[in-house]
Amino acid sequence: MSRPTPSHVPPDARLDAPAAVWDGNLLLDAMTIATDWLDDNRDRVNALNVFPVPDGDTGTNMALTMRGALAEAATLSVADRASAAEVAARIAYGSLMGARGNSGVILSQVFRGFANGIGDRQEINGRDLAEALGRARDLAYTAVMEPVEGTMLTVVRVAAERAASSARRGPAMASVLAAALAGAEDALRTTPDLLEILRQANVVDAGGQGIVLILEGMDRFARGEALPNVPIAVGDAEVSGHMVFLDQVDDLHGGDHFGYCTNFMVFGAGIDVGRCRAEIAAMGSSAVIVGDETMLKVHVHVDNPGAVLDYAIKLGDLGQIKIDNMQAQTRALSAARPTATNDPTPPLGTATSATEPRHHVVMAVAAGEGLAEALRSMGATTVITGGQTMNPSTEEILAAVRSTDSEGVILLPNNSNIVLTAGQIPKLTDKHVRVVASRSIPQGVVALAAYHQDKPLDEAASAMTEALSQVITVELTRAVRDATIDGVTVARGQVIGLVDGRLVAAGEDLVTVALDVLTTTGLDERELVTMFTGAGALAEDIERLASGIRERHDHLEIETHAGGQPHYDLVIAVE
């Protein structure tokens, strides 16, 4: 397998002698090697999930997140001697924008902390690297509302502790990285002892394995060794679904007079965030300034955009500048708005566009045209393509949010592995975004049933969140490997049934397994069963299942919709 490597050396060759310190270019080279090594091994990581279901592919999500980070860092001029601070800041931003799945989002927080630790340094040695790893650990833990040991957090923590211990003995980059890697490997081996679900599956944590692969790549670069052609065998497990990110930014938007809506990024070093926030806010209104000492995102309404840009350029490099004349926008909207009448009904033949400005809108994630159509029919104005094995990135969800004219957006991720990604969006836009943490399509459906557009945004989102508990999600798919989870033994290729993400039954026949699973949901006390059929579902199986449910529970109302979702023959909502 060929791959790009620093200095364009062939795989398995020796790189140049290890450097005592790294500038930005060497840091970028190390990250490139790390990304290649993770990418080479992602399929092996993906193949060993805790649950034997087609899942969000931790290895793929982490590798794509790293590729996003490298793409952003590559915008720096290769002819210039980039500082370590510049490269770290770009990697932090790129990883956030490219983050996919829970593991990608957590990884982006690790890189943000890493960049914070590097600060404004032109070059870094081993001691500086250890400090950066320490900050990466701290931010990763504080960004998670309920940290769970036995996940990638544990691996990052122990790696940082070992790096710090090595740095106290000397600043050699290779020694510090070797110690960090050894700590990460030791921590990874303990993850099954810390999480029962990992012990049952006899695997290690997937996100933690990804961290080990990244450190292995950096360690090889530090020692002057290129990557081997043959990927290693690795273990895997899902990142814990119990991690919930804290919202770190409140949306601010006042009823200020019209001016210029000014948005930009600042990439610098040692930025005094508090002072910048105060001084920029004093120049206008509706100011939202977020970030750290190396990277700021600024949104502010001002009469003179030039003044705020003149101030900001003294802080560092500017990027992603966007200035909108709100007075002109208001005039255009007023001209396009029909004359008010007492009759709210539009003329016959008038189409209502999904892009028409609304008080707030709902955006949902789904895979399968049938599911998308069902969500749209219930009030979702936009359906973002994604789901199992195809998690949308932060940037893809953000692009959808930016595309709407509405200032208010409610996001329905509809997948447990997309919840954290969706949770980053409110921090990256000046729109008022609320995330209703739906972890399945059935939860998304009941949330939409509770949606009222005429209510204030927070009240509407709160009602949708409360509705999530009113449905039980049943999923039928095929096992991708042998496993024993929660006492249920599964053979590869068998039909498996899950209730709210918990493995309940396995067997050879779809209908038999589905009926066994449904008996655990308390159907005697339920009223409605809605079945969304997958792309590979057989009509005769669905008919047999519906008949079997009616025979056992004739009081139930049964609805069937062609969902068209991949991988899952059936997704069932029990209400």
Protein backbone atom coordinates (compact mmCIF):
# COMPACT_ATOMS: atom_id res chain seq x y z
CA MET A 1 0.00 0.00 0.00
CA SER A 2 1.44 3.35 -0.98
CA ARG A 3 0.84 6.46 1.02
CA PRO A 4 2.07 10.05 1.15
CA THR A 5 4.81 10.44 3.75
CA PRO A 6 7.01 13.35 4.78
CA SER A 7 9.79 13.95 2.26
CA HIS A 8 7.92 11.50 -0.03
CA VAL A 9 9.90 8.51 1.20
CA PRO A 10 8.60 5.00 0.39
CA PRO A 11 6.81 2.94 3.05
CA ASP A 12 9.10 0.95 5.40
CA ALA A 13 11.98 3.33 4.62
CA ARG A 14 13.86 5.26 7.26
CA LEU A 15 12.93 8.91 7.59
CA ASP A 16 15.39 11.67 8.36
CA ALA A 17 17.06 11.64 11.78
CA PRO A 18 14.57 12.52 14.54
CA ALA A 19 14.39 16.23 15.33
CA ALA A 20 14.93 17.51 18.87
CA VAL A 21 12.14 20.07 18.42
CA TRP A 22 9.19 20.31 16.05
CA ASP A 23 8.06 23.42 14.24
CA GLY A 24 4.65 23.53 12.59
CA ASN A 25 5.79 21.68 9.48
CA LEU A 26 7.20 18.78 11.48
CA LEU A 27 4.07 18.69 13.65
CA LEU A 28 1.98 18.50 10.50
CA ASP A 29 4.18 15.71 9.15
CA ALA A 30 3.72 13.78 12.40
CA MET A 31 -0.06 14.23 12.22
CA THR A 32 -0.04 13.09 8.60
CA ILE A 33 1.76 9.87 9.53
CA ALA A 34 -0.67 9.39 12.44
CA THR A 35 -3.66 9.87 10.17
CA ASP A 36 -2.30 7.45 7.59
CA TRP A 37 -1.74 4.81 10.26
CA LEU A 38 -5.26 5.25 11.64
CA ASP A 39 -6.67 5.18 8.12
CA ASP A 40 -4.78 1.99 7.27
CA ASN A 41 -6.31 0.23 10.27
CA ARG A 42 -9.82 1.66 10.31
CA ASP A 43 -11.48 -1.36 8.70
CA ARG A 44 -10.08 -3.65 11.37
CA VAL A 45 -11.31 -1.25 14.02
CA ASN A 46 -14.75 -1.10 12.41
CA ALA A 47 -15.02 -4.89 12.21
CA LEU A 48 -14.93 -5.39 15.99
CA ASN A 49 -17.87 -3.54 17.52
CA VAL A 50 -19.27 -4.37 20.95
CA PHE A 51 -22.69 -4.96 19.40
CA PRO A 52 -22.64 -7.14 16.28
CA VAL A 53 -24.68 -4.61 14.29
CA PRO A 54 -23.79 -2.39 11.33
CA ASP A 55 -22.87 0.66 13.38
CA GLY A 56 -21.37 4.13 13.07
CA ASP A 57 -17.88 2.75 12.38
CA THR A 58 -15.63 4.32 14.99
CA GLY A 59 -12.47 3.85 12.94
CA THR A 60 -13.96 5.47 9.87
CA ASN A 61 -15.37 8.38 11.88
CA MET A 62 -12.04 9.08 13.58
CA ALA A 63 -10.10 8.77 10.32
CA LEU A 64 -12.44 11.15 8.51
CA THR A 65 -12.18 13.59 11.41
CA MET A 66 -8.39 13.47 11.11
CA ARG A 67 -8.58 13.99 7.34
CA GLY A 68 -10.69 17.09 7.97
CA ALA A 69 -8.05 18.36 10.39
CA LEU A 70 -5.25 17.81 7.86
CA ALA A 71 -7.21 19.49 5.08
CA GLU A 72 -7.58 22.62 7.20
CA ALA A 73 -3.90 22.60 8.22
CA ALA A 74 -2.87 22.17 4.58
CA THR A 75 -4.21 25.66 3.86
CA LEU A 76 -1.02 27.01 5.44
CA SER A 77 1.66 27.80 2.90
CA VAL A 78 4.13 24.91 2.72
CA ALA A 79 6.83 27.37 1.62
CA ASP A 80 6.64 29.18 4.95
CA ARG A 81 8.04 27.84 8.20
CA ALA A 82 4.72 27.49 9.98
CA SER A 83 4.70 27.67 13.75
CA ALA A 84 3.54 24.77 15.87
CA ALA A 85 0.82 27.06 17.23
CA GLU A 86 -0.53 27.80 13.75
CA VAL A 87 -0.68 24.16 12.76
CA ALA A 88 -2.26 23.08 16.05
CA ALA A 89 -4.93 25.77 15.73
CA ARG A 90 -5.81 24.67 12.20
CA ILE A 91 -5.92 21.02 13.26
CA ALA A 92 -8.24 21.90 16.16
CA TYR A 93 -10.61 23.83 13.90
CA GLY A 94 -10.49 21.30 11.05
CA SER A 95 -11.16 18.37 13.37
CA LEU A 96 -14.22 20.11 14.81
CA MET A 97 -15.66 20.96 11.41
CA GLY A 98 -14.92 17.47 10.07
CA ALA A 99 -16.01 15.58 13.20
CA ARG A 100 -18.20 12.55 12.54
CA GLY A 101 -19.89 10.46 15.17
CA ASN A 102 -19.34 10.52 18.90
CA SER A 103 -15.72 9.44 18.60
CA GLY A 104 -14.95 12.19 16.08
CA VAL A 105 -16.47 14.87 18.27
CA ILE A 106 -14.54 13.72 21.33
CA LEU A 107 -11.36 13.59 19.23
CA SER A 108 -11.94 17.19 18.12
CA GLN A 109 -12.08 18.26 21.78
CA VAL A 110 -8.78 16.46 22.39
CA PHE A 111 -7.18 18.46 19.57
CA ARG A 112 -8.64 21.71 20.85
CA GLY A 113 -7.05 21.09 24.23
CA PHE A 114 -3.81 20.08 22.52
CA ALA A 115 -3.76 23.41 20.67
CA ASN A 116 -4.47 25.27 23.91
CA GLY A 117 -1.48 23.58 25.50
CA ILE A 118 0.87 24.53 22.67
CA GLY A 119 -0.20 28.15 23.08
CA ASP A 120 1.87 30.55 20.96
CA ARG A 121 4.99 28.43 20.63
CA GLN A 122 6.91 28.50 17.37
CA GLU A 123 8.51 25.15 18.16
CA ILE A 124 7.81 22.44 20.71
CA ASN A 125 9.98 19.91 22.51
CA GLY A 126 8.98 16.91 24.57
CA ARG A 127 8.07 18.98 27.62
CA ASP A 128 5.81 21.19 25.51
CA LEU A 129 4.18 18.11 24.01
CA ALA A 130 3.51 16.71 27.47
CA GLU A 131 1.87 20.00 28.49
CA ALA A 132 -0.29 19.92 25.36
CA LEU A 133 -1.38 16.36 26.09
CA GLY A 134 -2.26 17.43 29.62
CA ARG A 135 -4.48 20.22 28.32
CA ALA A 136 -6.02 17.80 25.83
CA ARG A 137 -6.91 15.49 28.73
CA ASP A 138 -8.36 18.33 30.81
CA LEU A 139 -10.56 19.72 28.06
CA ALA A 140 -11.80 16.29 27.01
CA TYR A 141 -12.95 15.55 30.57
CA THR A 142 -14.50 18.96 31.21
CA ALA A 143 -16.32 18.93 27.87
CA VAL A 144 -18.14 15.73 28.82
CA MET A 145 -21.00 16.08 31.28
CA GLU A 146 -20.69 12.52 32.60
CA PRO A 147 -17.17 11.18 31.88
CA VAL A 148 -17.07 7.40 31.59
CA GLU A 149 -13.87 5.51 32.37
CA GLY A 150 -12.99 2.65 30.07
CA THR A 151 -13.40 4.87 27.01
CA MET A 152 -11.00 6.99 24.98
CA LEU A 153 -10.97 9.47 27.89
CA THR A 154 -9.11 6.94 30.01
CA VAL A 155 -6.58 6.33 27.25
CA VAL A 156 -5.93 10.06 26.77
CA ARG A 157 -5.61 10.58 30.54
CA VAL A 158 -3.04 7.85 31.12
CA ALA A 159 -1.09 8.87 27.99
CA ALA A 160 -0.88 12.44 29.33
CA GLU A 161 0.20 11.25 32.78
CA ARG A 162 3.00 9.09 31.38
CA ALA A 163 4.12 11.90 29.06
CA ALA A 164 4.34 14.31 32.00
CA SER A 165 6.37 11.81 34.02
CA SER A 166 8.82 11.33 31.13
CA ALA A 167 9.09 15.09 30.53
CA ARG A 168 10.23 15.61 34.11
CA ARG A 169 13.24 13.43 33.30
CA GLY A 170 14.10 15.28 30.09
CA PRO A 171 12.68 17.14 27.08
CA ALA A 172 13.48 14.57 24.37
CA MET A 173 10.52 14.37 21.98
CA ALA A 174 11.00 10.69 21.16
CA SER A 175 11.18 9.69 24.83
CA VAL A 176 8.04 11.62 25.78
CA LEU A 177 6.05 10.22 22.86
CA ALA A 178 7.23 6.69 23.62
CA ALA A 179 6.06 7.10 27.21
CA ALA A 180 2.70 8.50 26.09
CA LEU A 181 2.22 5.60 23.70
CA ALA A 182 3.13 3.02 26.35
CA GLY A 183 0.65 4.62 28.73
CA ALA A 184 -2.08 4.64 26.09
CA GLU A 185 -1.49 0.96 25.30
CA ASP A 186 -1.59 0.04 28.99
CA ALA A 187 -4.80 2.01 29.48
CA LEU A 188 -6.39 0.44 26.42
CA ARG A 189 -5.78 -3.03 27.82
CA THR A 190 -7.63 -2.07 31.02
CA THR A 191 -10.78 -0.76 29.30
CA PRO A 192 -12.60 -4.13 29.52
CA ASP A 193 -11.97 -4.07 33.29
CA LEU A 194 -13.62 -0.67 33.55
CA LEU A 195 -16.67 -1.26 31.32
CA GLU A 196 -18.70 -4.42 31.76
CA ILE A 197 -19.99 -4.30 28.20
CA LEU A 198 -16.41 -4.44 26.89
CA ARG A 199 -15.57 -7.36 29.16
CA GLN A 200 -18.60 -9.32 27.93
CA ALA A 201 -17.63 -8.74 24.32
CA ASN A 202 -13.94 -9.45 25.06
CA VAL A 203 -12.84 -6.32 23.22
CA VAL A 204 -11.17 -3.01 23.99
CA ASP A 205 -12.65 0.44 23.48
CA ALA A 206 -12.75 1.58 19.87
CA GLY A 207 -12.08 5.24 20.53
CA GLY A 208 -9.22 4.32 22.82
CA GLN A 209 -7.76 2.10 20.11
CA GLY A 210 -7.98 5.04 17.71
CA ILE A 211 -5.98 7.19 20.16
CA VAL A 212 -3.34 4.46 20.37
CA LEU A 213 -3.07 4.34 16.57
CA ILE A 214 -2.64 8.11 16.39
CA LEU A 215 0.11 8.04 19.02
CA GLU A 216 1.76 5.09 17.26
CA GLY A 217 1.97 7.10 14.05
CA MET A 218 3.44 10.11 15.85
CA ASP A 219 5.87 7.86 17.73
CA ARG A 220 7.12 6.30 14.49
CA PHE A 221 7.69 9.75 13.05
CA ALA A 222 9.57 10.85 16.18
CA ARG A 223 11.83 7.80 15.88
CA GLY A 224 12.40 8.36 12.15
CA GLU A 225 10.51 5.27 11.00
CA ALA A 226 7.94 5.21 8.21
CA LEU A 227 4.83 3.04 8.37
CA PRO A 228 4.83 -0.66 7.51
CA ASN A 229 2.79 -1.88 4.57
CA VAL A 230 0.72 -4.32 6.63
CA PRO A 231 -1.83 -2.90 9.09
CA ILE A 232 -1.87 -4.40 12.57
CA ALA A 233 -4.74 -6.31 14.13
CA VAL A 234 -6.65 -4.19 16.60
CA GLY A 235 -9.54 -4.58 19.01
CA ASP A 236 -12.58 -2.38 19.06
CA ALA A 237 -15.60 -1.33 21.04
CA GLU A 238 -18.13 1.43 20.84
CA VAL A 239 -17.53 4.75 22.54
CA SER A 240 -19.91 4.97 25.46
CA GLY A 241 -23.29 6.38 24.54
CA HIS A 242 -23.61 7.91 28.02
CA MET A 243 -21.38 10.91 27.21
CA VAL A 244 -23.27 14.17 26.84
CA PHE A 245 -21.45 17.34 25.84
CA LEU A 246 -22.12 20.55 27.70
CA ASP A 247 -23.29 23.51 25.70
CA GLN A 248 -20.55 26.08 26.23
CA VAL A 249 -22.11 29.06 24.46
CA ASP A 250 -25.46 30.80 24.87
CA ASP A 251 -27.10 32.18 21.76
CA LEU A 252 -27.31 35.97 21.88
CA HIS A 253 -29.51 37.96 19.58
CA GLY A 254 -31.22 41.17 20.49
CA GLY A 255 -33.70 43.44 18.81
CA ASP A 256 -30.98 45.87 17.75
CA HIS A 257 -31.27 48.38 14.94
CA PHE A 258 -30.24 47.27 11.48
CA GLY A 259 -26.58 47.40 10.49
CA TYR A 260 -24.02 44.94 9.17
CA CYS A 261 -24.03 41.37 10.43
CA THR A 262 -20.28 40.69 10.61
CA ASN A 263 -18.80 37.20 11.00
CA PHE A 264 -15.17 36.11 10.90
CA MET A 265 -12.55 33.84 12.44
CA VAL A 266 -9.32 35.01 14.09
CA PHE A 267 -6.31 32.69 14.23
CA GLY A 268 -3.63 34.03 16.54
CA ALA A 269 -1.53 33.33 19.61
CA GLY A 270 -2.10 34.42 23.19
CA ILE A 271 -5.38 36.14 22.43
CA ASP A 272 -6.98 37.66 25.52
CA VAL A 273 -10.46 36.28 24.97
CA GLY A 274 -12.11 38.24 27.78
CA ARG A 275 -10.70 41.55 26.63
CA CYS A 276 -11.57 40.87 22.98
CA ARG A 277 -15.10 39.93 23.93
CA ALA A 278 -15.57 43.16 25.86
CA GLU A 279 -14.01 45.44 23.24
CA ILE A 280 -15.77 43.90 20.23
CA ALA A 281 -19.10 43.84 22.08
CA ALA A 282 -18.67 47.55 22.79
CA MET A 283 -18.43 48.25 19.05
CA GLY A 284 -21.91 46.94 18.28
CA SER A 285 -24.65 44.60 19.48
CA SER A 286 -25.71 40.95 19.42
CA ALA A 287 -22.07 39.97 19.90
CA VAL A 288 -21.16 36.29 20.09
CA ILE A 289 -17.42 35.70 20.56
CA VAL A 290 -16.32 32.12 21.28
CA GLY A 291 -13.01 30.25 21.21
CA ASP A 292 -9.72 30.34 23.03
CA GLU A 293 -6.35 32.10 22.98
CA THR A 294 -5.48 30.64 19.57
CA MET A 295 -8.78 30.78 17.68
CA LEU A 296 -11.88 32.96 17.91
CA LYS A 297 -15.20 32.91 16.09
CA VAL A 298 -16.80 36.36 16.06
CA HIS A 299 -20.36 37.41 15.26
CA VAL A 300 -21.41 41.01 15.86
CA HIS A 301 -23.84 43.58 14.46
CA VAL A 302 -22.07 46.87 13.73
CA ASP A 303 -22.57 50.05 11.75
CA ASN A 304 -18.94 50.02 10.56
CA PRO A 305 -17.54 46.51 9.80
CA GLY A 306 -14.19 48.04 8.90
CA ALA A 307 -13.59 49.19 12.45
CA VAL A 308 -14.07 45.76 13.98
CA LEU A 309 -11.95 44.10 11.27
CA ASP A 310 -9.19 46.67 11.81
CA TYR A 311 -9.21 45.76 15.49
CA ALA A 312 -9.30 42.00 14.83
CA ILE A 313 -6.44 41.94 12.33
CA LYS A 314 -4.11 43.13 15.09
CA LEU A 315 -4.89 39.88 16.94
CA GLY A 316 -3.88 37.48 14.17
CA ASP A 317 -4.88 36.10 10.79
CA LEU A 318 -8.47 36.60 9.68
CA GLY A 319 -10.54 34.04 7.82
CA GLN A 320 -14.10 33.12 6.81
CA ILE A 321 -15.13 36.78 6.66
CA LYS A 322 -18.82 37.25 5.89
CA ILE A 323 -20.60 40.62 6.05
CA ASP A 324 -24.32 41.02 5.39
CA ASN A 325 -26.16 44.33 5.06
CA MET A 326 -29.17 43.70 7.30
CA GLN A 327 -30.91 46.89 6.21
CA ALA A 328 -30.78 45.76 2.58
CA GLN A 329 -31.95 42.27 3.56
CA THR A 330 -34.86 43.73 5.47
CA ARG A 331 -35.89 45.92 2.52
CA ALA A 332 -35.73 42.89 0.21
CA LEU A 333 -37.84 40.80 2.56
CA SER A 334 -40.35 43.60 2.99
CA ALA A 335 -40.66 43.99 -0.76
CA ALA A 336 -41.18 40.25 -1.18
CA ARG A 337 -43.77 40.03 1.62
CA PRO A 338 -47.39 40.13 0.39
CA THR A 339 -49.76 42.83 1.61
CA ALA A 340 -51.34 41.82 4.90
CA THR A 341 -55.01 40.85 4.85
CA ASN A 342 -57.43 39.41 7.35
CA ASP A 343 -57.44 36.11 5.42
CA PRO A 344 -54.36 34.03 6.29
CA THR A 345 -55.05 31.51 3.54
CA PRO A 346 -52.71 31.91 0.51
CA PRO A 347 -54.29 32.21 -2.96
CA LEU A 348 -55.15 28.94 -4.69
CA GLY A 349 -52.22 27.54 -6.63
CA THR A 350 -49.62 29.24 -4.39
CA ALA A 351 -46.83 26.90 -3.32
CA THR A 352 -45.32 27.31 0.14
CA SER A 353 -41.56 26.96 -0.18
CA ALA A 354 -39.57 25.06 2.44
CA THR A 355 -37.06 27.94 2.30
CA GLU A 356 -39.64 30.59 3.20
CA PRO A 357 -38.55 32.39 6.41
CA ARG A 358 -40.21 30.84 9.46
CA HIS A 359 -40.06 31.46 13.20
CA HIS A 360 -38.29 28.14 13.67
CA VAL A 361 -37.86 24.96 11.67
CA VAL A 362 -37.03 21.32 12.32
CA MET A 363 -34.14 19.50 10.64
CA ALA A 364 -33.80 15.74 10.97
CA VAL A 365 -31.21 13.12 10.03
CA ALA A 366 -32.30 9.93 8.22
CA ALA A 367 -31.19 7.39 5.63
CA GLY A 368 -33.81 6.04 3.24
CA GLU A 369 -36.20 8.02 1.08
CA GLY A 370 -39.24 6.52 2.80
CA LEU A 371 -38.02 7.64 6.21
CA ALA A 372 -37.14 11.06 4.83
CA GLU A 373 -40.60 11.46 3.34
CA ALA A 374 -42.25 10.39 6.60
CA LEU A 375 -40.25 12.96 8.56
CA ARG A 376 -41.00 15.69 6.03
CA SER A 377 -44.71 14.88 6.10
CA MET A 378 -44.68 15.36 9.88
CA GLY A 379 -43.06 18.78 9.75
CA ALA A 380 -39.32 18.44 9.15
CA THR A 381 -38.36 21.09 6.60
CA THR A 382 -34.97 19.52 5.88
CA VAL A 383 -33.76 15.91 6.08
CA ILE A 384 -29.99 15.48 6.23
CA THR A 385 -28.82 12.18 4.77
CA GLY A 386 -27.17 10.04 7.43
CA GLY A 387 -27.61 7.26 9.94
CA GLN A 388 -26.00 3.93 10.69
CA THR A 389 -22.59 3.58 8.95
CA MET A 390 -22.98 7.04 7.36
CA ASN A 391 -22.76 9.65 10.10
CA PRO A 392 -22.88 13.23 8.75
CA SER A 393 -20.02 15.52 9.76
CA THR A 394 -20.31 18.66 11.84
CA GLU A 395 -19.73 20.70 8.69
CA GLU A 396 -22.51 18.93 6.77
CA ILE A 397 -25.05 19.54 9.52
CA LEU A 398 -23.83 23.12 9.92
CA ALA A 399 -24.24 23.74 6.18
CA ALA A 400 -27.87 22.65 6.41
CA VAL A 401 -28.48 24.95 9.38
CA ARG A 402 -26.89 27.87 7.56
CA SER A 403 -29.01 27.23 4.47
CA THR A 404 -32.30 28.06 6.17
CA ASP A 405 -33.70 31.58 6.43
CA SER A 406 -35.06 30.80 9.87
CA GLU A 407 -33.20 32.13 12.88
CA GLY A 408 -34.47 29.19 14.97
CA VAL A 409 -33.61 25.55 14.27
CA ILE A 410 -34.47 22.34 16.12
CA LEU A 411 -32.17 19.42 15.26
CA LEU A 412 -33.24 15.77 15.46
CA PRO A 413 -30.12 13.55 15.10
CA ASN A 414 -32.21 10.33 15.22
CA ASN A 415 -29.15 8.22 15.96
CA SER A 416 -27.16 7.77 19.18
CA ASN A 417 -23.89 8.14 17.26
CA ILE A 418 -24.89 11.53 15.83
CA VAL A 419 -26.12 13.19 19.04
CA LEU A 420 -22.70 14.56 20.02
CA THR A 421 -22.03 15.86 16.51
CA ALA A 422 -25.36 17.70 16.51
CA GLY A 423 -24.49 19.06 19.94
CA GLN A 424 -21.59 21.04 18.50
CA ILE A 425 -23.76 23.05 16.10
CA PRO A 426 -25.11 25.65 18.58
CA LYS A 427 -21.51 26.70 19.29
CA LEU A 428 -20.70 27.27 15.62
CA THR A 429 -23.53 29.49 14.42
CA ASP A 430 -25.30 32.65 15.52
CA LYS A 431 -28.66 31.02 14.79
CA HIS A 432 -30.72 29.82 17.73
CA VAL A 433 -30.23 26.05 17.55
CA ARG A 434 -31.73 23.51 19.95
CA VAL A 435 -30.85 19.80 19.83
CA VAL A 436 -33.59 17.34 20.75
CA ALA A 437 -31.46 14.27 21.46
CA SER A 438 -33.46 11.66 19.55
CA ARG A 439 -31.43 8.43 19.37
CA SER A 440 -33.59 6.59 16.82
CA ILE A 441 -36.07 7.19 14.01
CA PRO A 442 -39.06 6.30 16.22
CA GLN A 443 -37.94 8.91 18.75
CA GLY A 444 -37.67 11.43 15.93
CA VAL A 445 -41.19 10.59 14.80
CA VAL A 446 -42.80 11.08 18.22
CA ALA A 447 -40.80 14.28 18.70
CA LEU A 448 -42.21 15.66 15.46
CA ALA A 449 -45.71 14.65 16.54
CA ALA A 450 -45.22 16.89 19.59
CA TYR A 451 -43.84 19.81 17.56
CA HIS A 452 -45.80 23.08 17.50
CA GLN A 453 -44.38 25.78 15.27
CA ASP A 454 -46.49 28.49 16.88
CA LYS A 455 -44.85 27.98 20.28
CA PRO A 456 -41.61 29.76 21.29
CA LEU A 457 -38.48 27.87 20.28
CA ASP A 458 -37.49 26.66 23.75
CA GLU A 459 -41.04 25.61 24.61
CA ALA A 460 -41.36 23.68 21.34
CA ALA A 461 -38.02 21.94 21.84
CA SER A 462 -38.88 21.10 25.45
CA ALA A 463 -42.16 19.46 24.44
CA MET A 464 -40.36 17.41 21.80
CA THR A 465 -37.75 16.28 24.32
CA GLU A 466 -40.45 15.17 26.76
CA ALA A 467 -42.07 13.10 23.99
CA LEU A 468 -38.94 10.98 23.47
CA SER A 469 -39.79 8.75 26.42
CA GLN A 470 -43.19 7.87 24.97
CA VAL A 471 -41.86 5.39 22.42
CA ILE A 472 -39.91 2.13 22.50
CA THR A 473 -37.57 1.49 19.57
CA VAL A 474 -37.23 -2.03 18.18
CA GLU A 475 -34.65 -2.75 15.47
CA LEU A 476 -34.07 -5.90 13.42
CA THR A 477 -30.83 -6.37 11.54
CA ARG A 478 -28.18 -9.01 10.74
CA ALA A 479 -25.17 -9.76 12.94
CA VAL A 480 -21.86 -8.82 11.35
CA ARG A 481 -19.85 -11.05 13.71
CA ASP A 482 -20.16 -13.67 16.46
CA ALA A 483 -20.75 -12.27 19.92
CA THR A 484 -22.23 -12.87 23.36
CA ILE A 485 -23.81 -9.77 24.88
CA ASP A 486 -26.03 -9.63 27.99
CA GLY A 487 -26.37 -13.39 27.89
CA VAL A 488 -27.51 -13.49 24.25
CA THR A 489 -25.25 -15.55 21.96
CA VAL A 490 -25.19 -14.43 18.34
CA ALA A 491 -23.68 -16.02 15.24
CA ARG A 492 -22.62 -13.98 12.26
CA GLY A 493 -25.44 -13.63 9.74
CA GLN A 494 -28.24 -14.28 12.22
CA VAL A 495 -31.18 -11.95 12.67
CA ILE A 496 -30.80 -9.95 15.87
CA GLY A 497 -33.34 -7.82 17.69
CA LEU A 498 -32.62 -4.77 19.81
CA VAL A 499 -34.87 -2.80 22.15
CA ASP A 500 -33.73 0.79 22.70
CA GLY A 501 -30.23 -0.25 21.67
CA ARG A 502 -30.10 -3.34 23.95
CA LEU A 503 -29.58 -6.77 22.39
CA VAL A 504 -32.56 -8.96 23.31
CA ALA A 505 -32.85 -11.89 20.89
CA ALA A 506 -31.22 -13.66 17.95
CA GLY A 507 -32.26 -16.35 15.51
CA GLU A 508 -32.57 -17.43 11.91
CA ASP A 509 -36.08 -16.18 11.11
CA LEU A 510 -36.89 -12.47 11.01
CA VAL A 511 -40.55 -12.87 12.05
CA THR A 512 -39.79 -15.21 14.96
CA VAL A 513 -37.09 -12.90 16.33
CA ALA A 514 -39.30 -9.83 15.86
CA LEU A 515 -42.18 -11.42 17.77
CA ASP A 516 -39.84 -12.53 20.56
CA VAL A 517 -38.46 -8.99 20.87
CA LEU A 518 -41.88 -7.34 20.80
CA THR A 519 -43.07 -9.51 23.70
CA THR A 520 -40.51 -7.71 25.90
CA THR A 521 -42.03 -4.29 25.19
CA GLY A 522 -45.28 -4.72 27.15
CA LEU A 523 -47.62 -4.76 24.15
CA ASP A 524 -50.68 -5.34 26.36
CA GLU A 525 -50.27 -1.77 27.60
CA ARG A 526 -49.45 -0.24 24.20
CA GLU A 527 -51.74 1.17 21.53
CA LEU A 528 -49.80 1.60 18.30
CA VAL A 529 -47.08 -0.35 16.46
CA THR A 530 -45.52 1.41 13.47
CA MET A 531 -43.17 -0.60 11.24
CA PHE A 532 -40.66 1.05 8.89
CA THR A 533 -39.47 -1.56 6.41
CA GLY A 534 -35.89 -1.55 5.22
CA ALA A 535 -34.49 -1.72 1.71
CA GLY A 536 -33.92 -5.49 2.02
CA ALA A 537 -37.17 -6.45 3.75
CA LEU A 538 -39.45 -9.03 2.11
CA ALA A 539 -43.16 -8.25 1.79
CA GLU A 540 -44.18 -11.75 2.89
CA ASP A 541 -42.16 -11.41 6.09
CA ILE A 542 -43.85 -8.14 6.93
CA GLU A 543 -47.29 -9.65 6.32
CA ARG A 544 -46.46 -12.65 8.53
CA LEU A 545 -45.25 -10.36 11.29
CA ALA A 546 -48.35 -8.14 11.17
CA SER A 547 -50.58 -11.22 11.32
CA GLY A 548 -48.61 -12.62 14.25
CA ILE A 549 -48.95 -9.37 16.20
CA ARG A 550 -52.72 -9.22 15.56
CA GLU A 551 -53.21 -12.82 16.69
CA ARG A 552 -51.53 -12.10 20.02
CA HIS A 553 -52.69 -8.52 20.56
CA ASP A 554 -55.86 -7.75 18.62
CA HIS A 555 -56.30 -4.40 20.37
CA LEU A 556 -53.20 -2.91 18.71
CA GLU A 557 -53.30 -0.57 15.75
CA ILE A 558 -50.59 -1.54 13.24
CA GLU A 559 -49.16 0.77 10.60
CA THR A 560 -46.57 -0.13 7.96
CA HIS A 561 -44.43 2.32 5.97
CA ALA A 562 -41.71 1.71 3.39
CA GLY A 563 -38.71 3.31 5.09
CA GLY A 564 -36.04 2.21 2.63
CA GLN A 565 -33.31 2.36 5.31
CA PRO A 566 -30.13 0.35 4.69
CA HIS A 567 -28.87 -2.44 6.99
CA TYR A 568 -32.00 -2.67 9.14
CA ASP A 569 -34.83 -4.86 7.80
CA LEU A 570 -37.22 -3.33 10.31
CA VAL A 571 -37.36 -0.32 12.59
CA ILE A 572 -40.44 -0.50 14.79
CA ALA A 573 -41.99 2.18 16.99
CA VAL A 574 -44.08 0.90 19.91
CA GLU A 575 -46.23 3.63 21.47
